[in-house]
């Protein structure tokens, strides 16, 4: 890999005036910020619709975008919402994503905008959707959910829905993809590449399962025969019971992985590269019985392996794929990652969990890896340093060349250690660039509330010393 650096920030975290970050002017401002720091990459989290816990990793569709990211001022400029409606949607706080309000108010507003689309816009929407069968399925699925009182599909009694509701979803997906296309073009002009994130699994209550049941491990009544999770680990002593239905990998391979090919083509339409979440599940995956109470009741099953990796490489056609090789990594995962040639992930915070010589310590980083101070599932770097026992903290700081007794200004040494490492790409969560603590972490695995809410403001972003990061990029030849 060419030596480079980047910043991790989800769209939801961006500044703005309307309860959540969006594909508007502030996204362009963030690209300007990244470029001013000398970064080459902006990494985001999944763009799909969120679940009841506001997580983008268990979505109603692997193909549809989160309509909350549609920029309201842009719709106002198009004459699709009024100035009064725009003002009424103004947020109460700039520090958090206001999901309770969004859930109640945002879709009705976007549906009103869809109802105001003229004939030309309706024709563009129809043309856009016509070439995307699985996105069309997602729009119909969401309209059917409305017709069935928002119940899960296995409880539906109504099999028909309002065509105006279907169009409203189609129109908002058209706006989502169109607005983002403009942001991506702007990023390209600034030489910023954007990395997306592909959750390995989808939700049971999703258009993917409803319209493509044969792709999943289901019982004869449509219920999941096995669900996803991970065994007990660093994050959770009972493991994590994700509950997503598992893929019928045997069927998928016979089908040529058509569903996955469509998914990847959608992602590469949106991004310059992607991170494949839970890559270890491609080698072997944790299968939990559908009626289990905890993930501890699961067992390892063989994944699709090399055949799936071959398909990934074919669809990527030279574009960046990052393999999230974190968690319980066994020899089969190591061998599959080596076969793939994809860069894996290294996380500084995992390097000092014990006294061992972890591969997550920077002296082990190779060029073909992407290194992070932490991911969206970790504490912030400052929160992590504060939480360490004194002895472990001293070890981390000494490792990074910081020897002072007063460790209040140790931050720069850790950042410099990451820049100096051999990792081809180093990525810093925006919270770590800001030097913020635990109260700004994005997600705490194993918890269902208080996650995915973090936002920063434009004023906060301006406090980051962009020149310092330009110097570090020049000094350590990261371009």
Protein backbone atom coordinates (compact mmCIF):
# COMPACT_ATOMS: atom_id res chain seq x y z
CA UNK A 1 0.00 0.00 0.00
CA UNK A 2 1.07 3.60 -0.54
CA UNK A 3 1.75 5.18 2.85
CA UNK A 4 -1.24 7.35 3.70
CA UNK A 5 -3.53 8.47 6.51
CA UNK A 6 -7.18 9.22 7.11
CA UNK A 7 -9.97 10.13 9.49
CA UNK A 8 -12.92 8.06 10.67
CA UNK A 9 -16.22 9.91 11.08
CA UNK A 10 -19.76 8.81 10.29
CA UNK A 11 -22.17 11.04 8.38
CA UNK A 12 -24.45 11.14 11.42
CA UNK A 13 -21.67 12.81 13.44
CA UNK A 14 -21.16 15.73 11.06
CA UNK A 15 -22.14 19.27 12.06
CA UNK A 16 -25.43 20.71 10.85
CA UNK A 17 -28.66 22.31 11.97
CA UNK A 18 -31.21 19.53 11.54
CA UNK A 19 -30.71 16.83 14.19
CA UNK A 20 -28.15 14.69 12.36
CA UNK A 21 -25.26 15.04 9.91
CA UNK A 22 -26.21 15.07 6.25
CA UNK A 23 -25.01 15.19 2.64
CA UNK A 24 -24.89 18.97 2.65
CA UNK A 25 -22.45 21.85 2.98
CA UNK A 26 -20.97 20.51 6.22
CA UNK A 27 -19.93 17.31 4.48
CA UNK A 28 -17.96 19.44 2.01
CA UNK A 29 -16.47 21.37 4.92
CA UNK A 30 -15.33 18.09 6.48
CA UNK A 31 -13.66 17.08 3.22
CA UNK A 32 -11.87 20.45 3.21
CA UNK A 33 -10.73 19.75 6.77
CA UNK A 34 -9.41 16.29 5.86
CA UNK A 35 -7.52 17.71 2.89
CA UNK A 36 -6.06 20.52 5.02
CA UNK A 37 -4.60 17.89 7.39
CA UNK A 38 -2.93 16.06 4.53
CA UNK A 39 -5.20 13.05 4.91
CA UNK A 40 -5.98 10.92 1.86
CA UNK A 41 -8.98 9.01 3.20
CA UNK A 42 -12.29 9.60 4.92
CA UNK A 43 -13.73 6.42 6.39
CA UNK A 44 -17.42 6.23 7.28
CA UNK A 45 -19.71 3.70 8.95
CA UNK A 46 -22.49 1.86 7.05
CA UNK A 47 -24.88 4.04 5.05
CA UNK A 48 -27.88 1.74 5.45
CA UNK A 49 -31.02 2.38 7.51
CA UNK A 50 -30.67 1.98 11.27
CA UNK A 51 -32.44 -0.40 13.66
CA UNK A 52 -34.41 0.34 16.82
CA UNK A 53 -31.12 0.85 18.70
CA UNK A 54 -29.93 3.33 16.03
CA UNK A 55 -27.27 0.89 14.82
CA UNK A 56 -26.41 0.73 11.10
CA UNK A 57 -25.21 -2.88 11.47
CA UNK A 58 -28.69 -4.48 11.50
CA UNK A 59 -30.65 -2.81 8.74
CA UNK A 60 -33.96 -3.17 6.90
CA UNK A 61 -31.95 -3.37 3.67
CA UNK A 62 -28.38 -3.92 2.54
CA UNK A 63 -29.10 -1.81 -0.56
CA UNK A 64 -31.10 1.23 0.62
CA UNK A 65 -29.52 4.31 2.17
CA UNK A 66 -30.43 6.01 5.44
CA UNK A 67 -32.95 8.74 4.48
CA UNK A 68 -31.95 10.78 7.55
CA UNK A 69 -28.76 11.70 5.67
CA UNK A 70 -30.70 13.54 2.96
CA UNK A 71 -29.83 17.21 3.27
CA UNK A 72 -32.90 19.33 4.03
CA UNK A 73 -31.47 22.69 2.86
CA UNK A 74 -30.81 21.08 -0.53
CA UNK A 75 -34.46 19.97 -0.71
CA UNK A 76 -35.50 23.50 0.22
CA UNK A 77 -33.38 24.94 -2.61
CA UNK A 78 -35.12 22.51 -4.97
CA UNK A 79 -38.52 23.78 -3.81
CA UNK A 80 -39.45 20.39 -2.35
CA UNK A 81 -39.83 21.62 1.22
CA UNK A 82 -40.73 25.10 2.38
CA UNK A 83 -38.62 27.52 4.38
CA UNK A 84 -41.11 27.15 7.21
CA UNK A 85 -40.72 23.37 7.16
CA UNK A 86 -36.94 23.72 7.13
CA UNK A 87 -37.03 26.06 10.12
CA UNK A 88 -39.40 23.74 11.98
CA UNK A 89 -36.90 20.90 11.55
CA UNK A 90 -34.10 22.86 13.23
CA UNK A 91 -32.43 20.82 15.97
CA UNK A 92 -32.57 21.44 19.69
CA UNK A 93 -28.93 20.46 20.28
CA UNK A 94 -25.86 20.30 18.00
CA UNK A 95 -24.10 17.73 20.20
CA UNK A 96 -26.15 14.61 19.51
CA UNK A 97 -28.18 12.87 16.84
CA UNK A 98 -31.79 13.46 17.89
CA UNK A 99 -33.15 10.03 16.99
CA UNK A 100 -36.40 10.30 18.94
CA UNK A 101 -37.33 13.42 17.00
CA UNK A 102 -36.08 12.02 13.70
CA UNK A 103 -38.16 8.87 14.13
CA UNK A 104 -41.29 10.96 14.66
CA UNK A 105 -40.82 13.81 12.18
CA UNK A 106 -38.27 13.16 9.43
CA UNK A 107 -39.97 10.60 7.21
CA UNK A 108 -43.28 12.52 7.09
CA UNK A 109 -41.35 15.58 5.95
CA UNK A 110 -39.45 13.61 3.30
CA UNK A 111 -42.70 12.04 2.11
CA UNK A 112 -44.20 15.51 1.69
CA UNK A 113 -41.17 16.43 -0.41
CA UNK A 114 -41.75 13.34 -2.57
CA UNK A 115 -45.36 14.37 -3.12
CA UNK A 116 -44.17 17.69 -4.55
CA UNK A 117 -41.86 16.12 -7.16
CA UNK A 118 -42.74 17.25 -10.67
CA UNK A 119 -43.00 15.03 -13.74
CA UNK A 120 -39.34 15.38 -14.70
CA UNK A 121 -38.16 14.43 -11.22
CA UNK A 122 -40.55 11.48 -11.16
CA UNK A 123 -39.14 10.28 -14.47
CA UNK A 124 -35.56 10.54 -13.15
CA UNK A 125 -36.57 8.58 -10.06
CA UNK A 126 -38.24 5.86 -12.11
CA UNK A 127 -35.20 5.56 -14.38
CA UNK A 128 -32.87 5.36 -11.38
CA UNK A 129 -34.88 2.66 -9.61
CA UNK A 130 -35.49 0.60 -12.77
CA UNK A 131 -31.83 -0.42 -12.95
CA UNK A 132 -31.63 -1.43 -9.27
CA UNK A 133 -33.91 -4.40 -8.61
CA UNK A 134 -32.92 -4.99 -5.01
CA UNK A 135 -33.23 -1.29 -4.17
CA UNK A 136 -36.73 -1.38 -5.69
CA UNK A 137 -37.46 -4.38 -3.45
CA UNK A 138 -36.31 -2.38 -0.43
CA UNK A 139 -38.67 0.49 -1.26
CA UNK A 140 -41.63 -1.86 -1.65
CA UNK A 141 -40.67 -3.63 1.57
CA UNK A 142 -40.72 -0.38 3.54
CA UNK A 143 -44.10 0.56 2.05
CA UNK A 144 -45.44 -2.88 3.02
CA UNK A 145 -44.18 -2.35 6.57
CA UNK A 146 -46.24 0.83 6.73
CA UNK A 147 -49.29 -1.01 5.41
CA UNK A 148 -48.79 -3.60 8.17
CA UNK A 149 -48.45 -1.16 11.04
CA UNK A 150 -44.62 -1.39 11.05
CA UNK A 151 -44.69 -5.04 12.15
CA UNK A 152 -41.93 -7.46 11.16
CA UNK A 153 -42.58 -9.21 7.84
CA UNK A 154 -43.31 -12.59 9.43
CA UNK A 155 -46.35 -10.97 11.12
CA UNK A 156 -47.77 -9.32 8.02
CA UNK A 157 -51.36 -9.86 6.96
CA UNK A 158 -51.49 -7.20 4.25
CA UNK A 159 -49.69 -8.10 1.01
CA UNK A 160 -50.45 -4.93 -0.98
CA UNK A 161 -49.43 -1.35 -0.34
CA UNK A 162 -49.93 2.22 -1.49
CA UNK A 163 -48.06 3.01 -4.70
CA UNK A 164 -47.63 6.57 -3.45
CA UNK A 165 -45.78 5.18 -0.42
CA UNK A 166 -43.60 3.06 -2.69
CA UNK A 167 -42.80 6.12 -4.79
CA UNK A 168 -42.00 8.17 -1.68
CA UNK A 169 -39.35 5.63 -0.72
CA UNK A 170 -38.06 5.44 -4.29
CA UNK A 171 -37.83 9.21 -4.52
CA UNK A 172 -35.96 9.50 -1.23
CA UNK A 173 -33.51 6.82 -2.32
CA UNK A 174 -32.98 8.76 -5.54
CA UNK A 175 -32.27 11.91 -3.52
CA UNK A 176 -29.96 9.97 -1.17
CA UNK A 177 -27.82 8.57 -3.98
CA UNK A 178 -27.89 11.82 -6.00
CA UNK A 179 -26.86 14.03 -3.09
CA UNK A 180 -24.09 11.66 -2.06
CA UNK A 181 -22.80 11.48 -5.63
CA UNK A 182 -22.18 15.22 -5.50
CA UNK A 183 -20.31 14.89 -2.18
CA UNK A 184 -18.15 12.12 -3.59
CA UNK A 185 -17.31 14.20 -6.68
CA UNK A 186 -16.28 17.05 -4.39
CA UNK A 187 -14.06 14.67 -2.40
CA UNK A 188 -12.38 13.47 -5.60
CA UNK A 189 -11.53 17.07 -6.53
CA UNK A 190 -9.86 17.40 -3.13
CA UNK A 191 -8.00 14.07 -3.59
CA UNK A 192 -9.89 12.48 -0.72
CA UNK A 193 -10.91 8.85 -1.18
CA UNK A 194 -13.92 7.61 0.78
CA UNK A 195 -14.05 4.20 2.46
CA UNK A 196 -17.42 2.64 3.22
CA UNK A 197 -18.33 -0.14 5.61
CA UNK A 198 -20.22 -3.34 4.73
CA UNK A 199 -21.88 -5.11 7.68
CA UNK A 200 -21.46 -8.81 7.05
CA UNK A 201 -25.05 -9.60 8.08
CA UNK A 202 -28.52 -8.13 7.57
CA UNK A 203 -31.56 -8.02 9.84
CA UNK A 204 -34.17 -10.78 9.83
CA UNK A 205 -36.82 -8.09 9.34
CA UNK A 206 -35.36 -6.89 6.06
CA UNK A 207 -36.18 -6.77 2.39
CA UNK A 208 -33.17 -9.00 1.81
CA UNK A 209 -34.68 -11.89 3.77
CA UNK A 210 -38.27 -11.20 2.67
CA UNK A 211 -37.53 -11.19 -1.06
CA UNK A 212 -34.58 -13.62 -1.11
CA UNK A 213 -35.41 -16.22 1.55
CA UNK A 214 -33.43 -18.93 -0.23
CA UNK A 215 -30.22 -17.02 0.52
CA UNK A 216 -30.61 -17.52 4.28
CA UNK A 217 -30.72 -20.32 6.86
CA UNK A 218 -34.44 -20.45 7.63
CA UNK A 219 -36.83 -23.08 8.96
CA UNK A 220 -39.88 -24.15 6.97
CA UNK A 221 -41.98 -21.53 8.80
CA UNK A 222 -39.53 -18.79 7.79
CA UNK A 223 -37.92 -18.42 11.22
CA UNK A 224 -34.11 -18.42 11.46
CA UNK A 225 -32.60 -21.83 12.10
CA UNK A 226 -29.33 -20.18 13.10
CA UNK A 227 -28.40 -16.63 14.00
CA UNK A 228 -25.18 -14.64 14.11
CA UNK A 229 -23.03 -13.65 17.04
CA UNK A 230 -19.59 -14.05 18.50
CA UNK A 231 -18.34 -16.14 21.44
CA UNK A 232 -17.30 -14.58 24.76
CA UNK A 233 -14.56 -12.03 24.17
CA UNK A 234 -12.95 -8.77 25.30
CA UNK A 235 -16.24 -6.91 24.89
CA UNK A 236 -18.77 -9.35 26.43
CA UNK A 237 -18.39 -12.34 28.80
CA UNK A 238 -21.49 -14.08 27.36
CA UNK A 239 -20.46 -13.30 23.82
CA UNK A 240 -22.58 -11.09 21.60
CA UNK A 241 -25.90 -12.43 20.33
CA UNK A 242 -26.42 -10.30 17.25
CA UNK A 243 -29.50 -12.22 16.14
CA UNK A 244 -29.03 -11.69 12.39
CA UNK A 245 -30.08 -14.63 10.20
CA UNK A 246 -27.12 -16.54 8.80
CA UNK A 247 -26.49 -17.01 5.09
CA UNK A 248 -27.00 -20.31 3.33
CA UNK A 249 -23.48 -20.21 1.98
CA UNK A 250 -23.92 -23.44 0.00
CA UNK A 251 -26.85 -21.96 -1.91
CA UNK A 252 -25.05 -18.64 -2.37
CA UNK A 253 -22.01 -20.29 -3.91
CA UNK A 254 -24.15 -22.34 -6.31
CA UNK A 255 -25.90 -19.08 -7.23
CA UNK A 256 -22.58 -17.44 -8.00
CA UNK A 257 -22.96 -15.14 -4.98
CA UNK A 258 -25.38 -13.01 -7.02
CA UNK A 259 -26.85 -11.26 -3.96
CA UNK A 260 -23.38 -10.36 -2.72
CA UNK A 261 -22.28 -9.22 -6.17
CA UNK A 262 -25.21 -6.80 -6.32
CA UNK A 263 -24.37 -5.59 -2.83
CA UNK A 264 -20.74 -4.93 -3.70
CA UNK A 265 -21.65 -3.11 -6.91
CA UNK A 266 -23.91 -0.82 -4.89
CA UNK A 267 -21.11 -0.14 -2.40
CA UNK A 268 -18.54 0.60 -5.07
CA UNK A 269 -21.02 3.01 -6.62
CA UNK A 270 -20.91 4.87 -3.30
CA UNK A 271 -17.29 4.50 -2.21
CA UNK A 272 -13.70 4.25 -3.42
CA UNK A 273 -13.04 1.32 -1.10
CA UNK A 274 -14.86 -0.70 1.55
CA UNK A 275 -14.25 -2.39 4.86
CA UNK A 276 -15.70 -5.90 5.09
CA UNK A 277 -17.07 -6.22 8.61
CA UNK A 278 -16.36 -9.48 10.51
CA UNK A 279 -14.06 -10.95 7.86
CA UNK A 280 -13.40 -13.91 10.10
CA UNK A 281 -16.97 -15.06 9.38
CA UNK A 282 -15.91 -15.79 5.81
CA UNK A 283 -13.42 -18.37 7.05
CA UNK A 284 -15.64 -19.72 9.84
CA UNK A 285 -18.60 -18.20 11.64
CA UNK A 286 -20.25 -18.52 15.04
CA UNK A 287 -23.64 -20.18 14.55
CA UNK A 288 -26.10 -19.78 17.42
CA UNK A 289 -29.35 -21.82 17.45
CA UNK A 290 -32.31 -19.64 16.53
CA UNK A 291 -33.94 -20.12 19.95
CA UNK A 292 -30.78 -19.62 22.05
CA UNK A 293 -30.72 -17.10 24.89
CA UNK A 294 -27.02 -16.22 24.75
CA UNK A 295 -24.23 -16.47 22.19
CA UNK A 296 -22.40 -18.94 24.45
CA UNK A 297 -24.67 -21.67 23.04
CA UNK A 298 -23.18 -21.33 19.55
CA UNK A 299 -20.52 -23.28 17.66
CA UNK A 300 -18.09 -22.66 14.79
CA UNK A 301 -19.15 -23.53 11.23
CA UNK A 302 -17.07 -23.42 8.05
CA UNK A 303 -17.59 -20.31 5.92
CA UNK A 304 -17.45 -19.85 2.13
CA UNK A 305 -13.70 -19.25 2.18
CA UNK A 306 -11.63 -18.83 -0.96
CA UNK A 307 -14.57 -18.94 -3.39
CA UNK A 308 -16.07 -15.89 -1.69
CA UNK A 309 -12.73 -14.08 -1.61
CA UNK A 310 -12.32 -14.72 -5.33
CA UNK A 311 -15.69 -13.08 -5.91
CA UNK A 312 -14.72 -10.09 -3.73
CA UNK A 313 -11.52 -9.54 -5.69
CA UNK A 314 -13.36 -9.81 -8.99
CA UNK A 315 -15.96 -7.21 -8.00
CA UNK A 316 -13.38 -4.90 -6.41
CA UNK A 317 -11.35 -4.83 -9.62
CA UNK A 318 -8.33 -3.35 -7.85
CA UNK A 319 -10.22 -1.09 -5.48
CA UNK A 320 -9.44 -1.15 -1.77
CA UNK A 321 -10.99 -3.84 0.43
CA UNK A 322 -10.12 -3.77 4.13
CA UNK A 323 -10.66 -7.05 5.97
CA UNK A 324 -11.84 -6.59 9.55
CA UNK A 325 -9.83 -9.46 11.01
CA UNK A 326 -10.58 -8.70 14.66
CA UNK A 327 -11.96 -10.91 17.42
CA UNK A 328 -11.21 -14.61 17.91
CA UNK A 329 -8.73 -15.10 15.07
CA UNK A 330 -7.84 -18.70 14.30
CA UNK A 331 -5.40 -20.17 11.80
CA UNK A 332 -8.05 -20.54 9.10
CA UNK A 333 -8.71 -16.79 9.24
CA UNK A 334 -5.00 -16.00 9.00
CA UNK A 335 -4.64 -18.30 5.99
CA UNK A 336 -7.70 -16.84 4.24
CA UNK A 337 -6.52 -13.26 4.78
CA UNK A 338 -3.12 -14.18 3.35
CA UNK A 339 -4.84 -15.79 0.36
CA UNK A 340 -6.95 -12.69 -0.20
CA UNK A 341 -4.10 -10.20 -0.16
CA UNK A 342 -6.45 -7.70 1.52
CA UNK A 343 -5.03 -5.44 4.23
CA UNK A 344 -6.19 -6.45 7.70
CA UNK A 345 -6.81 -4.19 10.69
CA UNK A 346 -4.64 -3.33 13.68
CA UNK A 347 -5.95 -1.45 16.70
CA UNK A 348 -3.52 0.20 19.12
CA UNK A 349 -5.85 -0.28 22.09
CA UNK A 350 -5.78 -4.06 21.59
CA UNK A 351 -1.98 -4.12 21.71
CA UNK A 352 -1.75 -3.78 25.47
CA UNK A 353 -4.54 -6.01 26.80
CA UNK A 354 -1.95 -8.23 28.52
CA UNK A 355 1.81 -8.69 28.81
CA UNK A 356 2.09 -10.60 25.54
CA UNK A 357 3.69 -9.44 22.30
CA UNK A 358 0.47 -8.62 20.48
CA UNK A 359 0.29 -8.10 16.72
CA UNK A 360 -1.64 -4.93 17.56
CA UNK A 361 1.51 -3.27 18.93
CA UNK A 362 2.87 -0.86 16.30
CA UNK A 363 6.27 -2.55 15.94
CA UNK A 364 4.41 -5.48 14.35
CA UNK A 365 2.47 -3.41 11.81
CA UNK A 366 3.22 -4.36 8.22
CA UNK A 367 2.66 -2.22 5.15
CA UNK A 368 -0.39 -4.25 4.13
CA UNK A 369 -2.56 -3.28 7.09
CA UNK A 370 -4.78 -0.42 8.20
CA UNK A 371 -3.99 0.75 11.74
CA UNK A 372 -6.36 2.59 14.06
CA UNK A 373 -5.98 4.18 17.48
CA UNK A 374 -9.47 2.71 17.99
CA UNK A 375 -12.58 1.80 16.02
CA UNK A 376 -16.21 2.86 16.46
CA UNK A 377 -16.51 0.02 19.01
CA UNK A 378 -13.61 1.23 21.18
CA UNK A 379 -13.36 3.93 23.77
CA UNK A 380 -11.75 7.13 22.53
CA UNK A 381 -7.97 7.27 22.84
CA UNK A 382 -8.15 9.73 25.74
CA UNK A 383 -10.81 7.64 27.48
CA UNK A 384 -8.69 4.53 26.99
CA UNK A 385 -5.58 6.18 28.50
CA UNK A 386 -7.57 7.40 31.51
CA UNK A 387 -9.12 3.99 32.10
CA UNK A 388 -5.82 2.07 32.23
CA UNK A 389 -4.30 0.99 35.55
CA UNK A 390 -1.23 3.08 36.33
CA UNK A 391 1.24 0.33 35.49
CA UNK A 392 -0.34 -0.46 32.13
CA UNK A 393 -0.67 3.23 31.30
CA UNK A 394 3.03 3.73 32.01
CA UNK A 395 3.85 0.79 29.71
CA UNK A 396 1.81 2.26 26.85
CA UNK A 397 3.34 5.71 27.26
CA UNK A 398 6.89 4.39 27.56
CA UNK A 399 6.30 2.32 24.43
CA UNK A 400 5.34 5.53 22.64
CA UNK A 401 8.45 7.34 23.89
CA UNK A 402 6.74 9.44 26.56
CA UNK A 403 8.75 9.32 29.80
CA UNK A 404 7.48 12.28 31.84
CA UNK A 405 5.75 11.65 35.17
CA UNK A 406 2.95 14.08 34.29
CA UNK A 407 1.17 12.32 31.44
CA UNK A 408 -1.35 15.08 30.71
CA UNK A 409 0.40 15.96 27.44
CA UNK A 410 1.21 12.41 26.30
CA UNK A 411 -1.29 12.43 23.46
CA UNK A 412 1.07 13.65 20.76
CA UNK A 413 3.53 10.83 21.39
CA UNK A 414 0.87 8.20 20.77
CA UNK A 415 -0.32 9.88 17.57
CA UNK A 416 3.27 10.19 16.34
CA UNK A 417 3.88 6.48 17.05
CA UNK A 418 0.98 5.60 14.77
CA UNK A 419 2.24 7.89 11.99
CA UNK A 420 5.76 6.44 12.28
CA UNK A 421 4.59 2.82 12.09
CA UNK A 422 4.96 0.68 8.96
CA UNK A 423 1.19 0.45 8.48
CA UNK A 424 0.27 1.39 4.93
CA UNK A 425 -2.74 3.37 6.12
CA UNK A 426 -3.32 4.87 9.58
CA UNK A 427 -6.81 6.09 10.49
CA UNK A 428 -7.83 8.25 13.44
CA UNK A 429 -11.40 8.60 14.71
CA UNK A 430 -12.31 12.28 14.69
CA UNK A 431 -12.77 12.14 18.49
CA UNK A 432 -9.08 11.23 18.79
CA UNK A 433 -8.04 14.17 16.64
CA UNK A 434 -10.11 16.36 18.94
CA UNK A 435 -8.65 14.73 22.07
CA UNK A 436 -12.07 13.95 23.54
CA UNK A 437 -12.96 11.46 26.25
CA UNK A 438 -15.27 8.52 26.86
CA UNK A 439 -18.44 10.60 26.70
CA UNK A 440 -17.91 10.96 22.95
CA UNK A 441 -17.39 7.28 22.06
CA UNK A 442 -19.61 6.05 19.25
CA UNK A 443 -20.64 2.59 20.45
CA UNK A 444 -20.24 0.31 23.43
CA UNK A 445 -20.73 -3.31 22.25
CA UNK A 446 -23.16 -5.35 24.30
CA UNK A 447 -25.26 -2.30 25.22
CA UNK A 448 -28.49 -1.25 23.52
CA UNK A 449 -28.87 2.41 24.46
CA UNK A 450 -26.85 5.61 24.30
CA UNK A 451 -24.94 4.58 21.18
CA UNK A 452 -24.46 6.09 17.69
CA UNK A 453 -25.40 9.57 18.96
CA UNK A 454 -22.09 11.44 18.96
CA UNK A 455 -21.81 14.64 16.92
CA UNK A 456 -19.22 17.39 16.73
CA UNK A 457 -19.61 21.02 15.70
CA UNK A 458 -17.84 23.17 13.14
CA UNK A 459 -16.30 25.25 15.92
CA UNK A 460 -14.86 22.11 17.51
CA UNK A 461 -13.42 20.94 14.21
CA UNK A 462 -11.62 24.27 13.82
CA UNK A 463 -9.72 23.63 17.08
CA UNK A 464 -7.78 20.80 15.44
CA UNK A 465 -4.29 21.89 14.37
CA UNK A 466 -4.38 20.92 10.69
CA UNK A 467 -0.81 22.11 10.17
CA UNK A 468 0.43 19.63 12.79
CA UNK A 469 -1.08 16.75 10.84
CA UNK A 470 0.28 18.09 7.56
CA UNK A 471 3.76 18.07 9.12
CA UNK A 472 3.34 14.54 10.43
CA UNK A 473 2.16 13.35 7.03
CA UNK A 474 5.17 15.00 5.36
CA UNK A 475 7.61 13.78 8.00
CA UNK A 476 6.52 10.15 7.79
CA UNK A 477 5.93 10.20 4.03
CA UNK A 478 2.20 9.63 4.16
CA UNK A 479 0.69 11.10 1.01
